[in-house]
Amino acid sequence: MGELESIRTFLAVASLRSFSAAARQLAMTPASVTRTISALESRLGVQLLLRTTRQVALTSAGAAYLARVQPLVAALGEAAQDTRDLHGATTGLLRVAAPLSLGLRLLPAVLSQFAALHPQTRLALTLSDRFVGMVEEDFDLAIRISGPPQDYSTGWRKICPVPRMLVASPAYLLAKGAPVGPEDLRDMACLSYAEDARQEIWNLTRGTEQHRHRAKGGFGANNGDLLARLAVNGEGVALLPRFIVEGDLAQGRLTQVLPDWLPPDIWLTLTYPPYDRLPRRVATFSDFFEAHVKETAPL
């Protein structure tokens, strides 16, 4: 095994603190990993790792070696990607995070078409309604529905606005009485959407009028589809993106509440780690995704 491959094996063991876990990650046998590390230590003339029955730890020499070689290997990977980018190749792994409801509706068509055009790019998709850490969790980009990003260390790109509306079931409004103004919401069960499932604040405006309402009810969740189903079941009023509820509105299972009172704009955005320049696979997917959304107008 060459020296670069030996170093990558060492980095995997040092990161995972396990020979067997490194072997699984690298598609090697544990015995091969052990031999590779032993050969590297022999060439260097120092012990890099301490092996015990429970764990693997770095020696002081191993920690110093790790600090020197880790950025070098990362730089080699970046150089290889930059070279591919310069020659127009869209290759490698692309890690994408997206909201659950949007992902299920929109992304199957996007992923299938993108894969057909760029077969050398592997897409790994994580669906979650929480805001993932771009750098901490090693994502290449995140598709988000939100207001302006609060993390100014990341880059972002607006795709389109996402209209929202207050909705409830006809049966619930018949039983409780349809609200005439936003102040009537205080007597109604309001289904709260929040990442931590706590109470949501609804800021509503009509012209120059403003109203702030704390959504209180028997249910809170971090997924819009679940809240829509609860609203259909007559559990209260929900503030949701139109794309989630448009089918229920068309079928009469939900009706819009206080249509003159509007929530703040939110946007479909693409959010990136702090790249100096977008890798080609990220830029290519971003352009493809934006074109698909604007051509099909799903939101």
C-alpha atoms as a PDB file:
ATOM      1  CA  MET A   1       0.000   0.000   0.000  1.00  0.00           C
ATOM      2  CA  GLY A   2       1.310   3.471  -0.922  1.00  0.00           C
ATOM      3  CA  GLU A   3       2.124   6.115   1.664  1.00  0.00           C
ATOM      4  CA  LEU A   4      -0.930   8.257   0.887  1.00  0.00           C
ATOM      5  CA  GLU A   5      -3.244   5.269   1.350  1.00  0.00           C
ATOM      6  CA  SER A   6      -1.441   4.444   4.604  1.00  0.00           C
ATOM      7  CA  ILE A   7      -1.982   7.992   5.838  1.00  0.00           C
ATOM      8  CA  ARG A   8      -5.687   7.853   4.932  1.00  0.00           C
ATOM      9  CA  THR A   9      -5.963   4.601   6.863  1.00  0.00           C
ATOM     10  CA  PHE A  10      -4.305   6.237   9.865  1.00  0.00           C
ATOM     11  CA  LEU A  11      -6.714   9.201   9.628  1.00  0.00           C
ATOM     12  CA  ALA A  12      -9.702   6.845   9.620  1.00  0.00           C
ATOM     13  CA  VAL A  13      -8.469   4.960  12.705  1.00  0.00           C
ATOM     14  CA  ALA A  14      -7.620   8.202  14.506  1.00  0.00           C
ATOM     15  CA  SER A  15     -11.046   9.667  13.724  1.00  0.00           C
ATOM     16  CA  LEU A  16     -13.073   6.588  14.625  1.00  0.00           C
ATOM     17  CA  ARG A  17     -10.833   5.422  17.498  1.00  0.00           C
ATOM     18  CA  SER A  18     -11.303   1.876  16.256  1.00  0.00           C
ATOM     19  CA  PHE A  19      -9.485  -0.445  13.864  1.00  0.00           C
ATOM     20  CA  SER A  20     -12.644  -2.415  13.083  1.00  0.00           C
ATOM     21  CA  ALA A  21     -14.729   0.699  12.439  1.00  0.00           C
ATOM     22  CA  ALA A  22     -12.009   2.083  10.168  1.00  0.00           C
ATOM     23  CA  ALA A  23     -11.898  -1.235   8.329  1.00  0.00           C
ATOM     24  CA  ARG A  24     -15.659  -1.057   7.688  1.00  0.00           C
ATOM     25  CA  GLN A  25     -15.423   2.536   6.481  1.00  0.00           C
ATOM     26  CA  LEU A  26     -12.507   1.776   4.158  1.00  0.00           C
ATOM     27  CA  ALA A  27     -13.853  -1.601   2.955  1.00  0.00           C
ATOM     28  CA  MET A  28     -10.752  -3.349   4.318  1.00  0.00           C
ATOM     29  CA  THR A  29     -10.257  -6.219   6.734  1.00  0.00           C
ATOM     30  CA  PRO A  30      -9.241  -5.349  10.322  1.00  0.00           C
ATOM     31  CA  ALA A  31      -6.049  -7.331   9.794  1.00  0.00           C
ATOM     32  CA  SER A  32      -5.165  -5.203   6.739  1.00  0.00           C
ATOM     33  CA  VAL A  33      -5.749  -2.010   8.713  1.00  0.00           C
ATOM     34  CA  THR A  34      -3.542  -3.278  11.533  1.00  0.00           C
ATOM     35  CA  ARG A  35      -0.739  -4.223   9.112  1.00  0.00           C
ATOM     36  CA  THR A  36      -0.998  -0.860   7.343  1.00  0.00           C
ATOM     37  CA  ILE A  37      -0.691   1.109  10.593  1.00  0.00           C
ATOM     38  CA  SER A  38       2.190  -1.073  11.802  1.00  0.00           C
ATOM     39  CA  ALA A  39       4.044  -0.531   8.513  1.00  0.00           C
ATOM     40  CA  LEU A  40       3.484   3.225   8.730  1.00  0.00           C
ATOM     41  CA  GLU A  41       4.799   3.300  12.298  1.00  0.00           C
ATOM     42  CA  SER A  42       7.847   1.285  11.232  1.00  0.00           C
ATOM     43  CA  ARG A  43       8.610   3.725   8.412  1.00  0.00           C
ATOM     44  CA  LEU A  44       8.281   6.691  10.749  1.00  0.00           C
ATOM     45  CA  GLY A  45      10.119   5.011  13.621  1.00  0.00           C
ATOM     46  CA  VAL A  46       7.469   6.077  16.190  1.00  0.00           C
ATOM     47  CA  GLN A  47       4.330   4.638  17.725  1.00  0.00           C
ATOM     48  CA  LEU A  48       1.281   6.574  16.526  1.00  0.00           C
ATOM     49  CA  LEU A  49      -1.532   4.701  18.289  1.00  0.00           C
ATOM     50  CA  LEU A  50      -2.063   3.035  21.642  1.00  0.00           C
ATOM     51  CA  ARG A  51      -4.122  -0.156  21.373  1.00  0.00           C
ATOM     52  CA  THR A  52      -6.142  -1.449  24.308  1.00  0.00           C
ATOM     53  CA  THR A  53      -8.925  -3.994  24.504  1.00  0.00           C
ATOM     54  CA  ARG A  54     -11.518  -1.198  24.649  1.00  0.00           C
ATOM     55  CA  GLN A  55     -10.283   1.663  22.505  1.00  0.00           C
ATOM     56  CA  VAL A  56      -7.574   3.173  20.364  1.00  0.00           C
ATOM     57  CA  ALA A  57      -5.880   6.413  21.429  1.00  0.00           C
ATOM     58  CA  LEU A  58      -3.290   8.682  19.848  1.00  0.00           C
ATOM     59  CA  THR A  59       0.193   8.907  21.292  1.00  0.00           C
ATOM     60  CA  SER A  60       1.733  12.359  21.538  1.00  0.00           C
ATOM     61  CA  ALA A  61       3.656  11.572  18.347  1.00  0.00           C
ATOM     62  CA  GLY A  62       0.428  10.381  16.734  1.00  0.00           C
ATOM     63  CA  ALA A  63      -1.384  13.592  17.678  1.00  0.00           C
ATOM     64  CA  ALA A  64       1.445  15.684  16.227  1.00  0.00           C
ATOM     65  CA  TYR A  65       1.482  13.601  13.033  1.00  0.00           C
ATOM     66  CA  LEU A  66      -2.308  13.876  12.715  1.00  0.00           C
ATOM     67  CA  ALA A  67      -2.139  17.671  12.988  1.00  0.00           C
ATOM     68  CA  ARG A  68       0.396  17.797  10.143  1.00  0.00           C
ATOM     69  CA  VAL A  69      -1.058  15.290   7.681  1.00  0.00           C
ATOM     70  CA  GLN A  70      -4.790  15.935   8.072  1.00  0.00           C
ATOM     71  CA  PRO A  71      -4.804  19.341   6.305  1.00  0.00           C
ATOM     72  CA  LEU A  72      -2.437  17.989   3.642  1.00  0.00           C
ATOM     73  CA  VAL A  73      -4.774  15.128   2.749  1.00  0.00           C
ATOM     74  CA  ALA A  74      -7.752  17.506   2.754  1.00  0.00           C
ATOM     75  CA  ALA A  75      -5.853  19.855   0.426  1.00  0.00           C
ATOM     76  CA  LEU A  76      -5.082  16.976  -1.938  1.00  0.00           C
ATOM     77  CA  GLY A  77      -8.774  16.118  -2.068  1.00  0.00           C
ATOM     78  CA  GLU A  78      -9.665  19.748  -2.789  1.00  0.00           C
ATOM     79  CA  ALA A  79      -7.005  19.907  -5.507  1.00  0.00           C
ATOM     80  CA  ALA A  80      -8.438  16.819  -7.179  1.00  0.00           C
ATOM     81  CA  GLN A  81     -11.962  18.266  -7.021  1.00  0.00           C
ATOM     82  CA  ASP A  82     -10.792  21.634  -8.353  1.00  0.00           C
ATOM     83  CA  THR A  83      -9.115  19.868 -11.279  1.00  0.00           C
ATOM     84  CA  ARG A  84     -12.312  17.981 -12.067  1.00  0.00           C
ATOM     85  CA  ASP A  85     -14.262  21.225 -11.791  1.00  0.00           C
ATOM     86  CA  LEU A  86     -11.984  22.989 -14.249  1.00  0.00           C
ATOM     87  CA  HIS A  87     -12.591  20.250 -16.792  1.00  0.00           C
ATOM     88  CA  GLY A  88     -16.345  20.249 -16.351  1.00  0.00           C
ATOM     89  CA  ALA A  89     -16.751  16.922 -14.553  1.00  0.00           C
ATOM     90  CA  THR A  90     -19.640  16.681 -12.084  1.00  0.00           C
ATOM     91  CA  THR A  91     -18.577  13.814  -9.850  1.00  0.00           C
ATOM     92  CA  GLY A  92     -18.375  12.727  -6.238  1.00  0.00           C
ATOM     93  CA  LEU A  93     -20.708  12.624  -3.269  1.00  0.00           C
ATOM     94  CA  LEU A  94     -23.247  15.420  -2.779  1.00  0.00           C
ATOM     95  CA  ARG A  95     -24.812  15.570   0.717  1.00  0.00           C
ATOM     96  CA  VAL A  96     -28.122  17.432   0.743  1.00  0.00           C
ATOM     97  CA  ALA A  97     -30.489  18.227   3.634  1.00  0.00           C
ATOM     98  CA  ALA A  98     -34.141  19.118   3.019  1.00  0.00           C
ATOM     99  CA  PRO A  99     -37.409  19.490   4.952  1.00  0.00           C
ATOM    100  CA  LEU A 100     -39.459  16.301   5.149  1.00  0.00           C
ATOM    101  CA  SER A 101     -42.722  17.569   3.620  1.00  0.00           C
ATOM    102  CA  LEU A 102     -41.044  19.402   0.743  1.00  0.00           C
ATOM    103  CA  GLY A 103     -38.593  16.570   0.137  1.00  0.00           C
ATOM    104  CA  LEU A 104     -41.298  13.944  -0.259  1.00  0.00           C
ATOM    105  CA  ARG A 105     -43.278  16.078  -2.702  1.00  0.00           C
ATOM    106  CA  LEU A 106     -40.579  17.685  -4.783  1.00  0.00           C
ATOM    107  CA  LEU A 107     -37.321  15.785  -4.657  1.00  0.00           C
ATOM    108  CA  PRO A 108     -38.102  12.367  -6.216  1.00  0.00           C
ATOM    109  CA  ALA A 109     -38.494  13.968  -9.652  1.00  0.00           C
ATOM    110  CA  VAL A 110     -35.497  16.268  -9.102  1.00  0.00           C
ATOM    111  CA  LEU A 111     -33.214  13.444  -7.995  1.00  0.00           C
ATOM    112  CA  SER A 112     -34.236  11.076 -10.798  1.00  0.00           C
ATOM    113  CA  GLN A 113     -33.723  13.668 -13.517  1.00  0.00           C
ATOM    114  CA  PHE A 114     -30.443  14.908 -12.043  1.00  0.00           C
ATOM    115  CA  ALA A 115     -29.091  11.354 -11.748  1.00  0.00           C
ATOM    116  CA  ALA A 116     -29.922  10.680 -15.392  1.00  0.00           C
ATOM    117  CA  LEU A 117     -27.946  13.746 -16.473  1.00  0.00           C
ATOM    118  CA  HIS A 118     -25.071  13.362 -13.987  1.00  0.00           C
ATOM    119  CA  PRO A 119     -24.578   9.647 -13.305  1.00  0.00           C
ATOM    120  CA  GLN A 120     -21.132  10.158 -11.758  1.00  0.00           C
ATOM    121  CA  THR A 121     -22.554  12.238  -8.893  1.00  0.00           C
ATOM    122  CA  ARG A 122     -23.931  10.311  -5.917  1.00  0.00           C
ATOM    123  CA  LEU A 123     -26.635  12.118  -3.951  1.00  0.00           C
ATOM    124  CA  ALA A 124     -27.064  11.413  -0.236  1.00  0.00           C
ATOM    125  CA  LEU A 125     -30.275  13.033   1.038  1.00  0.00           C
ATOM    126  CA  THR A 126     -31.257  13.692   4.659  1.00  0.00           C
ATOM    127  CA  LEU A 127     -34.888  14.685   5.277  1.00  0.00           C
ATOM    128  CA  SER A 128     -35.400  16.583   8.515  1.00  0.00           C
ATOM    129  CA  ASP A 129     -37.432  19.592   9.615  1.00  0.00           C
ATOM    130  CA  ARG A 130     -34.652  20.804  11.910  1.00  0.00           C
ATOM    131  CA  PHE A 131     -31.974  23.221  10.738  1.00  0.00           C
ATOM    132  CA  VAL A 132     -28.899  21.050  10.237  1.00  0.00           C
ATOM    133  CA  GLY A 133     -25.426  22.438  10.906  1.00  0.00           C
ATOM    134  CA  MET A 134     -23.832  22.900   7.500  1.00  0.00           C
ATOM    135  CA  VAL A 135     -20.227  22.679   8.666  1.00  0.00           C
ATOM    136  CA  GLU A 136     -20.668  20.607  11.827  1.00  0.00           C
ATOM    137  CA  GLU A 137     -22.657  17.900  10.023  1.00  0.00           C
ATOM    138  CA  ASP A 138     -20.698  18.061   6.751  1.00  0.00           C
ATOM    139  CA  PHE A 139     -23.502  18.938   4.314  1.00  0.00           C
ATOM    140  CA  ASP A 140     -22.786  20.377   0.876  1.00  0.00           C
ATOM    141  CA  LEU A 141     -26.055  22.278   0.768  1.00  0.00           C
ATOM    142  CA  ALA A 142     -29.401  22.486   2.533  1.00  0.00           C
ATOM    143  CA  ILE A 143     -32.790  23.161   0.999  1.00  0.00           C
ATOM    144  CA  ARG A 144     -34.733  25.264   3.485  1.00  0.00           C
ATOM    145  CA  ILE A 145     -38.084  26.984   3.914  1.00  0.00           C
ATOM    146  CA  SER A 146     -37.625  29.889   6.291  1.00  0.00           C
ATOM    147  CA  GLY A 147     -37.110  33.571   6.739  1.00  0.00           C
ATOM    148  CA  PRO A 148     -33.680  35.101   6.118  1.00  0.00           C
ATOM    149  CA  PRO A 149     -30.931  32.824   7.511  1.00  0.00           C
ATOM    150  CA  GLN A 150     -29.690  33.746  10.969  1.00  0.00           C
ATOM    151  CA  ASP A 151     -26.284  32.110  10.495  1.00  0.00           C
ATOM    152  CA  TYR A 152     -24.329  34.726   8.565  1.00  0.00           C
ATOM    153  CA  SER A 153     -21.303  32.448   8.219  1.00  0.00           C
ATOM    154  CA  THR A 154     -23.188  30.485   5.545  1.00  0.00           C
ATOM    155  CA  GLY A 155     -24.064  31.480   1.998  1.00  0.00           C
ATOM    156  CA  TRP A 156     -27.621  31.320   0.722  1.00  0.00           C
ATOM    157  CA  ARG A 157     -29.618  31.685  -2.451  1.00  0.00           C
ATOM    158  CA  LYS A 158     -33.300  32.622  -2.703  1.00  0.00           C
ATOM    159  CA  ILE A 159     -35.321  30.432  -5.051  1.00  0.00           C
ATOM    160  CA  CYS A 160     -38.926  31.571  -4.612  1.00  0.00           C
ATOM    161  CA  PRO A 161     -41.394  32.762  -1.948  1.00  0.00           C
ATOM    162  CA  VAL A 162     -43.460  30.128  -0.131  1.00  0.00           C
ATOM    163  CA  PRO A 163     -47.019  31.369   0.503  1.00  0.00           C
ATOM    164  CA  ARG A 164     -48.592  30.439   3.857  1.00  0.00           C
ATOM    165  CA  MET A 165     -52.133  30.623   5.175  1.00  0.00           C
ATOM    166  CA  LEU A 166     -54.245  29.956   8.246  1.00  0.00           C
ATOM    167  CA  VAL A 167     -56.469  26.910   7.794  1.00  0.00           C
ATOM    168  CA  ALA A 168     -58.980  24.876   9.768  1.00  0.00           C
ATOM    169  CA  SER A 169     -61.581  22.227   9.020  1.00  0.00           C
ATOM    170  CA  PRO A 170     -65.136  23.362   8.182  1.00  0.00           C
ATOM    171  CA  ALA A 171     -66.426  21.252  11.081  1.00  0.00           C
ATOM    172  CA  TYR A 172     -64.125  22.984  13.564  1.00  0.00           C
ATOM    173  CA  LEU A 173     -65.157  26.436  12.331  1.00  0.00           C
ATOM    174  CA  LEU A 174     -68.816  25.464  12.492  1.00  0.00           C
ATOM    175  CA  ALA A 175     -68.425  24.324  16.099  1.00  0.00           C
ATOM    176  CA  LYS A 176     -66.284  27.256  17.278  1.00  0.00           C
ATOM    177  CA  GLY A 177     -67.472  29.987  14.933  1.00  0.00           C
ATOM    178  CA  ALA A 178     -65.288  31.383  12.157  1.00  0.00           C
ATOM    179  CA  PRO A 179     -62.986  34.128  13.497  1.00  0.00           C
ATOM    180  CA  VAL A 180     -63.746  37.628  12.276  1.00  0.00           C
ATOM    181  CA  GLY A 181     -60.410  39.108  13.332  1.00  0.00           C
ATOM    182  CA  PRO A 182     -57.103  37.754  14.647  1.00  0.00           C
ATOM    183  CA  GLU A 183     -58.078  38.577  18.227  1.00  0.00           C
ATOM    184  CA  ASP A 184     -60.690  35.793  17.957  1.00  0.00           C
ATOM    185  CA  LEU A 185     -57.866  33.249  17.678  1.00  0.00           C
ATOM    186  CA  ARG A 186     -57.307  33.462  21.440  1.00  0.00           C
ATOM    187  CA  ASP A 187     -60.486  31.420  21.944  1.00  0.00           C
ATOM    188  CA  MET A 188     -59.425  28.751  19.475  1.00  0.00           C
ATOM    189  CA  ALA A 189     -56.980  25.842  19.571  1.00  0.00           C
ATOM    190  CA  CYS A 190     -53.977  26.876  17.474  1.00  0.00           C
ATOM    191  CA  LEU A 191     -51.621  24.159  16.241  1.00  0.00           C
ATOM    192  CA  SER A 192     -48.055  25.296  16.736  1.00  0.00           C
ATOM    193  CA  TYR A 193     -45.240  24.595  14.285  1.00  0.00           C
ATOM    194  CA  ALA A 194     -41.746  24.896  15.729  1.00  0.00           C
ATOM    195  CA  GLU A 195     -38.490  22.994  15.447  1.00  0.00           C
ATOM    196  CA  ASP A 196     -38.609  22.173  19.152  1.00  0.00           C
ATOM    197  CA  ALA A 197     -42.422  21.713  19.086  1.00  0.00           C
ATOM    198  CA  ARG A 198     -42.898  24.665  21.460  1.00  0.00           C
ATOM    199  CA  GLN A 199     -45.397  27.475  21.044  1.00  0.00           C
ATOM    200  CA  GLU A 200     -45.198  29.394  17.794  1.00  0.00           C
ATOM    201  CA  ILE A 201     -45.690  33.158  17.424  1.00  0.00           C
ATOM    202  CA  TRP A 202     -47.965  34.198  14.554  1.00  0.00           C
ATOM    203  CA  ASN A 203     -47.228  37.741  13.344  1.00  0.00           C
ATOM    204  CA  LEU A 204     -50.135  38.747  11.113  1.00  0.00           C
ATOM    205  CA  THR A 205     -50.609  41.952   9.114  1.00  0.00           C
ATOM    206  CA  ARG A 206     -53.413  43.565   7.137  1.00  0.00           C
ATOM    207  CA  GLY A 207     -52.217  46.710   5.467  1.00  0.00           C
ATOM    208  CA  THR A 208     -50.770  48.807   8.283  1.00  0.00           C
ATOM    209  CA  GLU A 209     -52.478  46.752  11.002  1.00  0.00           C
ATOM    210  CA  GLN A 210     -50.425  44.197  12.911  1.00  0.00           C
ATOM    211  CA  HIS A 211     -51.364  41.463  15.338  1.00  0.00           C
ATOM    212  CA  ARG A 212     -49.122  39.128  17.331  1.00  0.00           C
ATOM    213  CA  HIS A 213     -50.645  35.842  18.496  1.00  0.00           C
ATOM    214  CA  ARG A 214     -49.081  33.059  20.543  1.00  0.00           C
ATOM    215  CA  ALA A 215     -50.356  29.779  19.112  1.00  0.00           C
ATOM    216  CA  LYS A 216     -51.767  27.782  22.006  1.00  0.00           C
ATOM    217  CA  GLY A 217     -53.470  24.457  21.666  1.00  0.00           C
ATOM    218  CA  GLY A 218     -53.318  20.823  22.576  1.00  0.00           C
ATOM    219  CA  PHE A 219     -50.742  19.978  19.908  1.00  0.00           C
ATOM    220  CA  GLY A 220     -47.405  21.236  18.639  1.00  0.00           C
ATOM    221  CA  ALA A 221     -45.137  19.543  16.119  1.00  0.00           C
ATOM    222  CA  ASN A 222     -42.124  20.152  13.899  1.00  0.00           C
ATOM    223  CA  ASN A 223     -43.757  18.766  10.754  1.00  0.00           C
ATOM    224  CA  GLY A 224     -46.321  20.536   8.600  1.00  0.00           C
ATOM    225  CA  ASP A 225     -47.965  17.399   7.212  1.00  0.00           C
ATOM    226  CA  LEU A 226     -48.770  16.174  10.722  1.00  0.00           C
ATOM    227  CA  LEU A 227     -50.285  19.551  11.648  1.00  0.00           C
ATOM    228  CA  ALA A 228     -52.331  19.527   8.444  1.00  0.00           C
ATOM    229  CA  ARG A 229     -53.749  16.119   9.326  1.00  0.00           C
ATOM    230  CA  LEU A 230     -54.609  17.356  12.822  1.00  0.00           C
ATOM    231  CA  ALA A 231     -56.351  20.380  11.318  1.00  0.00           C
ATOM    232  CA  VAL A 232     -58.345  18.109   8.984  1.00  0.00           C
ATOM    233  CA  ASN A 233     -59.348  16.086  12.056  1.00  0.00           C
ATOM    234  CA  GLY A 234     -60.805  19.218  13.613  1.00  0.00           C
ATOM    235  CA  GLU A 235     -58.105  19.802  16.236  1.00  0.00           C
ATOM    236  CA  GLY A 236     -57.711  23.517  15.560  1.00  0.00           C
ATOM    237  CA  VAL A 237     -56.248  26.245  13.338  1.00  0.00           C
ATOM    238  CA  ALA A 238     -52.818  25.858  11.718  1.00  0.00           C
ATOM    239  CA  LEU A 239     -50.517  28.247   9.866  1.00  0.00           C
ATOM    240  CA  LEU A 240     -48.983  26.227   7.030  1.00  0.00           C
ATOM    241  CA  PRO A 241     -47.382  26.556   3.582  1.00  0.00           C
ATOM    242  CA  ARG A 242     -49.929  26.416   0.785  1.00  0.00           C
ATOM    243  CA  PHE A 243     -48.210  23.476  -0.925  1.00  0.00           C
ATOM    244  CA  ILE A 244     -48.925  21.303   2.117  1.00  0.00           C
ATOM    245  CA  VAL A 245     -52.649  22.104   2.346  1.00  0.00           C
ATOM    246  CA  GLU A 246     -53.691  22.837  -1.246  1.00  0.00           C
ATOM    247  CA  GLY A 247     -55.038  19.315  -1.789  1.00  0.00           C
ATOM    248  CA  ASP A 248     -57.155  19.483   1.362  1.00  0.00           C
ATOM    249  CA  LEU A 249     -58.403  22.944   0.389  1.00  0.00           C
ATOM    250  CA  ALA A 250     -59.420  21.707  -3.053  1.00  0.00           C
ATOM    251  CA  GLN A 251     -61.283  18.726  -1.548  1.00  0.00           C
ATOM    252  CA  GLY A 252     -63.022  20.858   1.081  1.00  0.00           C
ATOM    253  CA  ARG A 253     -61.328  19.155   4.019  1.00  0.00           C
ATOM    254  CA  LEU A 254     -59.789  22.490   5.030  1.00  0.00           C
ATOM    255  CA  THR A 255     -60.815  26.097   4.532  1.00  0.00           C
ATOM    256  CA  GLN A 256     -58.770  29.270   4.736  1.00  0.00           C
ATOM    257  CA  VAL A 257     -59.131  31.352   7.903  1.00  0.00           C
ATOM    258  CA  LEU A 258     -58.749  35.158   8.006  1.00  0.00           C
ATOM    259  CA  PRO A 259     -57.581  35.409   4.373  1.00  0.00           C
ATOM    260  CA  ASP A 260     -56.982  39.180   4.692  1.00  0.00           C
ATOM    261  CA  TRP A 261     -54.394  38.687   7.471  1.00  0.00           C
ATOM    262  CA  LEU A 262     -51.011  37.631   6.129  1.00  0.00           C
ATOM    263  CA  PRO A 263     -47.978  36.109   7.865  1.00  0.00           C
ATOM    264  CA  PRO A 264     -44.424  37.321   7.062  1.00  0.00           C
ATOM    265  CA  ASP A 265     -42.861  36.083   3.842  1.00  0.00           C
ATOM    266  CA  ILE A 266     -40.785  32.961   3.967  1.00  0.00           C
ATOM    267  CA  TRP A 267     -38.631  31.643   1.153  1.00  0.00           C
ATOM    268  CA  LEU A 268     -37.414  28.463  -0.408  1.00  0.00           C
ATOM    269  CA  THR A 269     -33.640  28.840  -0.215  1.00  0.00           C
ATOM    270  CA  LEU A 270     -30.447  26.928  -0.813  1.00  0.00           C
ATOM    271  CA  THR A 271     -27.922  27.314   1.994  1.00  0.00           C
ATOM    272  CA  TYR A 272     -24.223  26.468   1.709  1.00  0.00           C
ATOM    273  CA  PRO A 273     -21.184  26.115   3.937  1.00  0.00           C
ATOM    274  CA  PRO A 274     -18.772  29.077   3.687  1.00  0.00           C
ATOM    275  CA  TYR A 275     -17.245  28.031   0.359  1.00  0.00           C
ATOM    276  CA  ASP A 276     -14.813  30.399  -1.357  1.00  0.00           C
ATOM    277  CA  ARG A 277     -16.263  29.005  -4.582  1.00  0.00           C
ATOM    278  CA  LEU A 278     -19.063  26.472  -4.993  1.00  0.00           C
ATOM    279  CA  PRO A 279     -17.767  23.034  -6.039  1.00  0.00           C
ATOM    280  CA  ARG A 280     -19.030  22.171  -9.493  1.00  0.00           C
ATOM    281  CA  ARG A 281     -21.305  19.364  -8.253  1.00  0.00           C
ATOM    282  CA  VAL A 282     -22.937  21.788  -5.783  1.00  0.00           C
ATOM    283  CA  ALA A 283     -23.319  24.586  -8.336  1.00  0.00           C
ATOM    284  CA  THR A 284     -24.679  22.184 -10.955  1.00  0.00           C
ATOM    285  CA  PHE A 285     -27.282  20.724  -8.596  1.00  0.00           C
ATOM    286  CA  SER A 286     -28.261  24.207  -7.374  1.00  0.00           C
ATOM    287  CA  ASP A 287     -28.876  25.449 -10.916  1.00  0.00           C
ATOM    288  CA  PHE A 288     -30.802  22.287 -11.797  1.00  0.00           C
ATOM    289  CA  PHE A 289     -32.953  22.497  -8.662  1.00  0.00           C
ATOM    290  CA  GLU A 290     -33.800  26.165  -9.212  1.00  0.00           C
ATOM    291  CA  ALA A 291     -34.719  25.573 -12.851  1.00  0.00           C
ATOM    292  CA  HIS A 292     -36.953  22.635 -11.901  1.00  0.00           C
ATOM    293  CA  VAL A 293     -38.802  24.633  -9.235  1.00  0.00           C
ATOM    294  CA  LYS A 294     -39.361  27.635 -11.502  1.00  0.00           C
ATOM    295  CA  GLU A 295     -40.463  25.508 -14.448  1.00  0.00           C
ATOM    296  CA  THR A 296     -42.892  23.323 -12.502  1.00  0.00           C
ATOM    297  CA  ALA A 297     -44.004  26.038 -10.000  1.00  0.00           C
ATOM    298  CA  PRO A 298     -44.831  23.498  -7.244  1.00  0.00           C
ATOM    299  CA  LEU A 299     -45.062  26.067  -4.414  1.00  0.00           C
END
